[in-house]
Amino acid sequence: MILYTVKNGVYYNLEDFKEDLSDLGENGFPNKIYINMTNRCSCSCTFCLRSLKEFNEHNSLWLKEEPSIELVKELFSKYDWSHVAEIIFCGFGEPTMRFDDVVEVARWLKSIHPDIPLRINTNGLSDLVFGEPTASRLAGIFDTVSISLNSSTAQKYLDVTRNRFGLASYDAMLSFAKACQRYVPKVVMTVVDVIGAEEVAACQKVCDTHGLQLRVRPYEAN
């Protein structure tokens, strides 16, 4: 699915709501919409269900092919967005793998729904993927960028994310986060609660050192 919402860890295709989103925010549904534009990712995290081939093939977020910008806009145009509180670029893959396309869709959304906040959830490694600074691409479009901190040290981070960039990836991710503060109103670093209280405290110290906000989120096994 390309556009979806989440309730109690379960993904719901917006198609299930037809063209009426009035149930969002009611009947226990969150009034947040997520955009899933790619399966690709620059990481292979130990906790990520992407590593399970069978899960990938049967998961509702797994895309058979990447949607075009035109298709995403077409799907959005079907709905009344008066009940939506936030739109988030976050799917089964890393959204910045399609950075230019994500920015184009986000800029279009801002032009037609300037009152709806936009967020992007990212691993923060786009500078390494593209070989150049990328935070400025978010300027004037996104209201929030949420970055997966994952761990308190470079080695732990590499062990968890298993990205191809080596130990330098940790500092690159933190540099991206600090750069985002110049272009995006709200920058949030995240960790999952399963890392334990001691590691959460260590991650909080990292964020305090770099002037970043930390959010501890529950691990979702779906």
C-alpha atoms as a PDB file:
ATOM      1  CA  MET A   1       0.000   0.000   0.000  1.00  0.00           C
ATOM      2  CA  ILE A   2       1.121   3.534  -0.742  1.00  0.00           C
ATOM      3  CA  LEU A   3      -1.077   5.636   1.574  1.00  0.00           C
ATOM      4  CA  TYR A   4      -1.919   4.167   4.950  1.00  0.00           C
ATOM      5  CA  THR A   5      -2.682   4.824   8.591  1.00  0.00           C
ATOM      6  CA  VAL A   6      -1.827   2.763  11.660  1.00  0.00           C
ATOM      7  CA  LYS A   7      -3.945   1.563  14.555  1.00  0.00           C
ATOM      8  CA  ASN A   8      -2.542  -0.629  17.342  1.00  0.00           C
ATOM      9  CA  GLY A   9       0.384  -1.623  15.156  1.00  0.00           C
ATOM     10  CA  VAL A  10      -1.849  -2.662  12.231  1.00  0.00           C
ATOM     11  CA  TYR A  11      -1.571  -0.955   8.836  1.00  0.00           C
ATOM     12  CA  TYR A  12      -4.780   0.207   7.146  1.00  0.00           C
ATOM     13  CA  ASN A  13      -4.843   1.109   3.474  1.00  0.00           C
ATOM     14  CA  LEU A  14      -6.548   4.432   2.826  1.00  0.00           C
ATOM     15  CA  GLU A  15      -8.524   2.634   0.153  1.00  0.00           C
ATOM     16  CA  ASP A  16     -10.422   0.995   3.040  1.00  0.00           C
ATOM     17  CA  PHE A  17     -11.812   4.423   3.889  1.00  0.00           C
ATOM     18  CA  LYS A  18     -12.965   5.002   0.311  1.00  0.00           C
ATOM     19  CA  GLU A  19     -13.035   8.781  -0.133  1.00  0.00           C
ATOM     20  CA  ASP A  20     -14.231   9.618   3.389  1.00  0.00           C
ATOM     21  CA  LEU A  21     -11.525  10.129   5.996  1.00  0.00           C
ATOM     22  CA  SER A  22     -13.901  11.390   8.675  1.00  0.00           C
ATOM     23  CA  ASP A  23     -13.252   8.253  10.743  1.00  0.00           C
ATOM     24  CA  LEU A  24      -9.678   9.383  11.214  1.00  0.00           C
ATOM     25  CA  GLY A  25      -9.364  10.679  14.740  1.00  0.00           C
ATOM     26  CA  GLU A  26     -12.570   8.852  15.627  1.00  0.00           C
ATOM     27  CA  ASN A  27     -13.292   5.220  16.452  1.00  0.00           C
ATOM     28  CA  GLY A  28      -9.775   4.880  17.837  1.00  0.00           C
ATOM     29  CA  PHE A  29      -8.031   5.719  14.554  1.00  0.00           C
ATOM     30  CA  PRO A  30      -5.156   8.205  14.533  1.00  0.00           C
ATOM     31  CA  ASN A  31      -5.595  11.086  12.146  1.00  0.00           C
ATOM     32  CA  LYS A  32      -2.114  10.620  10.669  1.00  0.00           C
ATOM     33  CA  ILE A  33      -1.430   9.486   7.112  1.00  0.00           C
ATOM     34  CA  TYR A  34       1.780   7.764   6.019  1.00  0.00           C
ATOM     35  CA  ILE A  35       3.308   7.718   2.521  1.00  0.00           C
ATOM     36  CA  ASN A  36       5.182   4.595   1.431  1.00  0.00           C
ATOM     37  CA  MET A  37       7.231   5.282  -1.721  1.00  0.00           C
ATOM     38  CA  THR A  38      10.054   2.717  -1.754  1.00  0.00           C
ATOM     39  CA  ASN A  39      11.282  -0.620  -0.422  1.00  0.00           C
ATOM     40  CA  ARG A  40      14.912   0.425  -0.770  1.00  0.00           C
ATOM     41  CA  CYS A  41      17.078   1.227   2.250  1.00  0.00           C
ATOM     42  CA  SER A  42      20.741   1.997   2.893  1.00  0.00           C
ATOM     43  CA  CYS A  43      20.638  -0.054   6.104  1.00  0.00           C
ATOM     44  CA  SER A  44      19.935  -3.677   6.977  1.00  0.00           C
ATOM     45  CA  CYS A  45      19.086  -3.284  10.653  1.00  0.00           C
ATOM     46  CA  THR A  46      19.185  -6.333  12.885  1.00  0.00           C
ATOM     47  CA  PHE A  47      15.713  -5.605  14.251  1.00  0.00           C
ATOM     48  CA  CYS A  48      14.110  -4.821  10.888  1.00  0.00           C
ATOM     49  CA  LEU A  49      11.594  -7.270   9.463  1.00  0.00           C
ATOM     50  CA  ARG A  50      12.899  -6.429   5.992  1.00  0.00           C
ATOM     51  CA  SER A  51      15.535  -9.095   6.595  1.00  0.00           C
ATOM     52  CA  LEU A  52      12.869 -11.801   6.440  1.00  0.00           C
ATOM     53  CA  LYS A  53      12.177 -12.549   2.774  1.00  0.00           C
ATOM     54  CA  GLU A  54       8.874 -14.297   3.439  1.00  0.00           C
ATOM     55  CA  PHE A  55       7.697 -11.355   5.529  1.00  0.00           C
ATOM     56  CA  ASN A  56       8.649  -8.952   2.772  1.00  0.00           C
ATOM     57  CA  GLU A  57       6.634 -10.797   0.172  1.00  0.00           C
ATOM     58  CA  HIS A  58       3.509 -10.937   2.318  1.00  0.00           C
ATOM     59  CA  ASN A  59       3.710  -7.628   4.154  1.00  0.00           C
ATOM     60  CA  SER A  60       1.094  -5.118   3.064  1.00  0.00           C
ATOM     61  CA  LEU A  61       3.689  -2.331   2.897  1.00  0.00           C
ATOM     62  CA  TRP A  62       5.944  -4.209   0.486  1.00  0.00           C
ATOM     63  CA  LEU A  63       5.668  -2.480  -2.893  1.00  0.00           C
ATOM     64  CA  LYS A  64       5.686  -4.558  -6.063  1.00  0.00           C
ATOM     65  CA  GLU A  65       7.002  -1.452  -7.787  1.00  0.00           C
ATOM     66  CA  GLU A  66       7.742   2.099  -6.729  1.00  0.00           C
ATOM     67  CA  PRO A  67       4.795   4.435  -7.335  1.00  0.00           C
ATOM     68  CA  SER A  68       5.331   7.354  -9.675  1.00  0.00           C
ATOM     69  CA  ILE A  69       4.989  10.902  -8.417  1.00  0.00           C
ATOM     70  CA  GLU A  70       1.884  11.220 -10.560  1.00  0.00           C
ATOM     71  CA  LEU A  71       0.287   8.147  -8.961  1.00  0.00           C
ATOM     72  CA  VAL A  72       0.954   9.425  -5.439  1.00  0.00           C
ATOM     73  CA  LYS A  73      -0.634  12.765  -6.310  1.00  0.00           C
ATOM     74  CA  GLU A  74      -3.583  11.004  -7.916  1.00  0.00           C
ATOM     75  CA  LEU A  75      -4.194   8.936  -4.779  1.00  0.00           C
ATOM     76  CA  PHE A  76      -3.995  12.021  -2.571  1.00  0.00           C
ATOM     77  CA  SER A  77      -6.407  13.922  -4.778  1.00  0.00           C
ATOM     78  CA  LYS A  78      -9.162  11.382  -4.080  1.00  0.00           C
ATOM     79  CA  TYR A  79      -9.588  12.368  -0.445  1.00  0.00           C
ATOM     80  CA  ASP A  80     -10.946  15.125   1.752  1.00  0.00           C
ATOM     81  CA  TRP A  81      -8.040  16.052   4.040  1.00  0.00           C
ATOM     82  CA  SER A  82      -9.930  18.216   6.537  1.00  0.00           C
ATOM     83  CA  HIS A  83      -9.635  15.509   9.220  1.00  0.00           C
ATOM     84  CA  VAL A  84      -5.912  14.854   8.792  1.00  0.00           C
ATOM     85  CA  ALA A  85      -3.524  16.225  11.436  1.00  0.00           C
ATOM     86  CA  GLU A  86      -0.167  15.140   9.974  1.00  0.00           C
ATOM     87  CA  ILE A  87       1.289  13.510   6.853  1.00  0.00           C
ATOM     88  CA  ILE A  88       4.426  11.399   7.296  1.00  0.00           C
ATOM     89  CA  PHE A  89       6.832  10.076   4.675  1.00  0.00           C
ATOM     90  CA  CYS A  90       7.628   6.684   6.175  1.00  0.00           C
ATOM     91  CA  GLY A  91       7.172   3.211   4.743  1.00  0.00           C
ATOM     92  CA  PHE A  92       8.880  -0.130   4.464  1.00  0.00           C
ATOM     93  CA  GLY A  93      11.999   1.473   2.993  1.00  0.00           C
ATOM     94  CA  GLU A  94      14.048   4.620   3.550  1.00  0.00           C
ATOM     95  CA  PRO A  95      12.178   7.570   1.977  1.00  0.00           C
ATOM     96  CA  THR A  96      15.318   9.576   1.199  1.00  0.00           C
ATOM     97  CA  MET A  97      16.379   6.886  -1.275  1.00  0.00           C
ATOM     98  CA  ARG A  98      13.905   8.791  -3.475  1.00  0.00           C
ATOM     99  CA  PHE A  99      14.870  12.181  -2.067  1.00  0.00           C
ATOM    100  CA  ASP A 100      13.979  14.332  -5.081  1.00  0.00           C
ATOM    101  CA  ASP A 101      10.638  12.565  -5.590  1.00  0.00           C
ATOM    102  CA  VAL A 102       9.743  12.855  -1.912  1.00  0.00           C
ATOM    103  CA  VAL A 103      10.559  16.569  -1.952  1.00  0.00           C
ATOM    104  CA  GLU A 104       8.439  17.089  -5.061  1.00  0.00           C
ATOM    105  CA  VAL A 105       5.429  15.339  -3.532  1.00  0.00           C
ATOM    106  CA  ALA A 106       5.909  17.190  -0.242  1.00  0.00           C
ATOM    107  CA  ARG A 107       6.185  20.569  -1.960  1.00  0.00           C
ATOM    108  CA  TRP A 108       2.969  19.796  -3.869  1.00  0.00           C
ATOM    109  CA  LEU A 109       1.201  18.827  -0.635  1.00  0.00           C
ATOM    110  CA  LYS A 110       2.312  22.055   1.021  1.00  0.00           C
ATOM    111  CA  SER A 111       0.942  24.031  -1.899  1.00  0.00           C
ATOM    112  CA  ILE A 112      -2.550  22.527  -1.591  1.00  0.00           C
ATOM    113  CA  HIS A 113      -2.658  21.823   2.177  1.00  0.00           C
ATOM    114  CA  PRO A 114      -0.325  24.380   3.810  1.00  0.00           C
ATOM    115  CA  ASP A 115      -2.057  23.854   7.158  1.00  0.00           C
ATOM    116  CA  ILE A 116      -1.172  20.144   7.445  1.00  0.00           C
ATOM    117  CA  PRO A 117       2.259  19.481   9.044  1.00  0.00           C
ATOM    118  CA  LEU A 118       4.643  17.273   7.072  1.00  0.00           C
ATOM    119  CA  ARG A 119       7.150  14.911   8.663  1.00  0.00           C
ATOM    120  CA  ILE A 120       9.824  12.637   7.236  1.00  0.00           C
ATOM    121  CA  ASN A 121      11.149   9.620   9.143  1.00  0.00           C
ATOM    122  CA  THR A 122      14.689   8.821   8.031  1.00  0.00           C
ATOM    123  CA  ASN A 123      17.862   6.973   8.983  1.00  0.00           C
ATOM    124  CA  GLY A 124      19.786  10.194   8.404  1.00  0.00           C
ATOM    125  CA  LEU A 125      22.357   8.700   6.023  1.00  0.00           C
ATOM    126  CA  SER A 126      21.341  10.559   2.868  1.00  0.00           C
ATOM    127  CA  ASP A 127      24.546  12.648   2.864  1.00  0.00           C
ATOM    128  CA  LEU A 128      26.525   9.421   2.464  1.00  0.00           C
ATOM    129  CA  VAL A 129      24.116   7.935  -0.074  1.00  0.00           C
ATOM    130  CA  PHE A 130      24.314  10.973  -2.364  1.00  0.00           C
ATOM    131  CA  GLY A 131      27.837  12.091  -1.535  1.00  0.00           C
ATOM    132  CA  GLU A 132      26.823  15.649  -0.644  1.00  0.00           C
ATOM    133  CA  PRO A 133      24.957  17.619   2.057  1.00  0.00           C
ATOM    134  CA  THR A 134      21.215  17.007   1.776  1.00  0.00           C
ATOM    135  CA  ALA A 135      19.513  18.663   4.763  1.00  0.00           C
ATOM    136  CA  SER A 136      18.857  21.878   2.864  1.00  0.00           C
ATOM    137  CA  ARG A 137      16.510  19.989   0.519  1.00  0.00           C
ATOM    138  CA  LEU A 138      14.005  19.830   3.376  1.00  0.00           C
ATOM    139  CA  ALA A 139      13.894  23.593   3.893  1.00  0.00           C
ATOM    140  CA  GLY A 140      10.531  25.312   3.697  1.00  0.00           C
ATOM    141  CA  ILE A 141       8.692  22.038   3.125  1.00  0.00           C
ATOM    142  CA  PHE A 142       8.944  19.751   6.141  1.00  0.00           C
ATOM    143  CA  ASP A 143       7.853  20.735   9.626  1.00  0.00           C
ATOM    144  CA  THR A 144       9.514  17.778  11.366  1.00  0.00           C
ATOM    145  CA  VAL A 145      12.344  15.391  10.595  1.00  0.00           C
ATOM    146  CA  SER A 146      12.606  12.274  12.734  1.00  0.00           C
ATOM    147  CA  ILE A 147      15.981  10.501  12.626  1.00  0.00           C
ATOM    148  CA  SER A 148      16.764   7.010  13.916  1.00  0.00           C
ATOM    149  CA  LEU A 149      19.637   7.371  16.379  1.00  0.00           C
ATOM    150  CA  ASN A 150      19.522   3.656  17.248  1.00  0.00           C
ATOM    151  CA  SER A 151      22.637   3.530  19.456  1.00  0.00           C
ATOM    152  CA  SER A 152      24.968   5.573  21.645  1.00  0.00           C
ATOM    153  CA  THR A 153      28.282   4.788  19.920  1.00  0.00           C
ATOM    154  CA  ALA A 154      29.563   4.421  16.369  1.00  0.00           C
ATOM    155  CA  GLN A 155      30.359   0.730  16.772  1.00  0.00           C
ATOM    156  CA  LYS A 156      26.993  -0.127  18.286  1.00  0.00           C
ATOM    157  CA  TYR A 157      25.295   1.868  15.554  1.00  0.00           C
ATOM    158  CA  LEU A 158      27.144   0.005  12.804  1.00  0.00           C
ATOM    159  CA  ASP A 159      26.453  -3.335  14.475  1.00  0.00           C
ATOM    160  CA  VAL A 160      22.727  -2.552  14.565  1.00  0.00           C
ATOM    161  CA  THR A 161      22.245  -0.853  11.194  1.00  0.00           C
ATOM    162  CA  ARG A 162      24.737  -2.941   9.200  1.00  0.00           C
ATOM    163  CA  ASN A 163      25.000  -0.104   6.696  1.00  0.00           C
ATOM    164  CA  ARG A 164      27.705  -0.124   4.017  1.00  0.00           C
ATOM    165  CA  PHE A 165      29.396   3.102   5.092  1.00  0.00           C
ATOM    166  CA  GLY A 166      31.313   1.833   8.124  1.00  0.00           C
ATOM    167  CA  LEU A 167      31.992   3.583  11.424  1.00  0.00           C
ATOM    168  CA  ALA A 168      31.884   7.027   9.788  1.00  0.00           C
ATOM    169  CA  SER A 169      28.132   6.586   9.332  1.00  0.00           C
ATOM    170  CA  TYR A 170      27.379   7.490  12.952  1.00  0.00           C
ATOM    171  CA  ASP A 171      29.008  10.920  12.852  1.00  0.00           C
ATOM    172  CA  ALA A 172      27.507  11.504   9.397  1.00  0.00           C
ATOM    173  CA  MET A 173      24.040  10.803  10.765  1.00  0.00           C
ATOM    174  CA  LEU A 174      24.579  13.185  13.687  1.00  0.00           C
ATOM    175  CA  SER A 175      25.954  15.866  11.351  1.00  0.00           C
ATOM    176  CA  PHE A 176      22.859  15.500   9.170  1.00  0.00           C
ATOM    177  CA  ALA A 177      20.664  15.894  12.258  1.00  0.00           C
ATOM    178  CA  LYS A 178      22.422  19.076  13.345  1.00  0.00           C
ATOM    179  CA  ALA A 179      22.266  20.458   9.811  1.00  0.00           C
ATOM    180  CA  CYS A 180      18.525  19.796   9.732  1.00  0.00           C
ATOM    181  CA  GLN A 181      18.121  22.151  12.690  1.00  0.00           C
ATOM    182  CA  ARG A 182      19.002  25.013  10.338  1.00  0.00           C
ATOM    183  CA  TYR A 183      16.279  24.103   7.854  1.00  0.00           C
ATOM    184  CA  VAL A 184      13.457  22.300   9.699  1.00  0.00           C
ATOM    185  CA  PRO A 185      11.495  23.664  12.688  1.00  0.00           C
ATOM    186  CA  LYS A 186      11.570  20.383  14.642  1.00  0.00           C
ATOM    187  CA  VAL A 187      14.280  17.714  14.646  1.00  0.00           C
ATOM    188  CA  VAL A 188      13.758  14.576  16.730  1.00  0.00           C
ATOM    189  CA  MET A 189      16.131  11.666  17.307  1.00  0.00           C
ATOM    190  CA  THR A 190      14.529   8.317  18.104  1.00  0.00           C
ATOM    191  CA  VAL A 191      15.455   5.016  19.729  1.00  0.00           C
ATOM    192  CA  VAL A 192      13.321   1.963  20.448  1.00  0.00           C
ATOM    193  CA  ASP A 193      12.617   1.001  24.033  1.00  0.00           C
ATOM    194  CA  VAL A 194      14.011  -2.541  23.648  1.00  0.00           C
ATOM    195  CA  ILE A 195      17.599  -1.229  23.806  1.00  0.00           C
ATOM    196  CA  GLY A 196      17.253  -0.970  27.590  1.00  0.00           C
ATOM    197  CA  ALA A 197      17.342   1.824  30.153  1.00  0.00           C
ATOM    198  CA  GLU A 198      21.134   2.100  30.286  1.00  0.00           C
ATOM    199  CA  GLU A 199      21.491   2.492  26.527  1.00  0.00           C
ATOM    200  CA  VAL A 200      18.560   4.932  26.417  1.00  0.00           C
ATOM    201  CA  ALA A 201      20.354   7.042  29.028  1.00  0.00           C
ATOM    202  CA  ALA A 202      23.551   6.919  26.964  1.00  0.00           C
ATOM    203  CA  CYS A 203      21.616   8.010  23.862  1.00  0.00           C
ATOM    204  CA  GLN A 204      20.088  10.861  25.837  1.00  0.00           C
ATOM    205  CA  LYS A 205      23.603  11.995  26.749  1.00  0.00           C
ATOM    206  CA  VAL A 206      24.576  11.943  23.051  1.00  0.00           C
ATOM    207  CA  CYS A 207      21.575  14.099  22.201  1.00  0.00           C
ATOM    208  CA  ASP A 208      22.254  16.492  25.052  1.00  0.00           C
ATOM    209  CA  THR A 209      25.855  16.874  23.860  1.00  0.00           C
ATOM    210  CA  HIS A 210      24.705  17.769  20.355  1.00  0.00           C
ATOM    211  CA  GLY A 211      21.677  19.849  21.348  1.00  0.00           C
ATOM    212  CA  LEU A 212      19.189  17.336  19.926  1.00  0.00           C
ATOM    213  CA  GLN A 213      15.819  16.116  21.189  1.00  0.00           C
ATOM    214  CA  LEU A 214      15.379  12.405  21.939  1.00  0.00           C
ATOM    215  CA  ARG A 215      12.166  10.393  21.736  1.00  0.00           C
ATOM    216  CA  VAL A 216      11.953   6.798  22.970  1.00  0.00           C
ATOM    217  CA  ARG A 217       9.398   4.887  20.926  1.00  0.00           C
ATOM    218  CA  PRO A 218       7.921   1.423  21.440  1.00  0.00           C
ATOM    219  CA  TYR A 219       9.189  -1.368  19.220  1.00  0.00           C
ATOM    220  CA  GLU A 220       6.621  -2.499  16.667  1.00  0.00           C
ATOM    221  CA  ALA A 221       6.932  -6.083  15.477  1.00  0.00           C
ATOM    222  CA  ASN A 222       4.549  -5.703  12.522  1.00  0.00           C
END
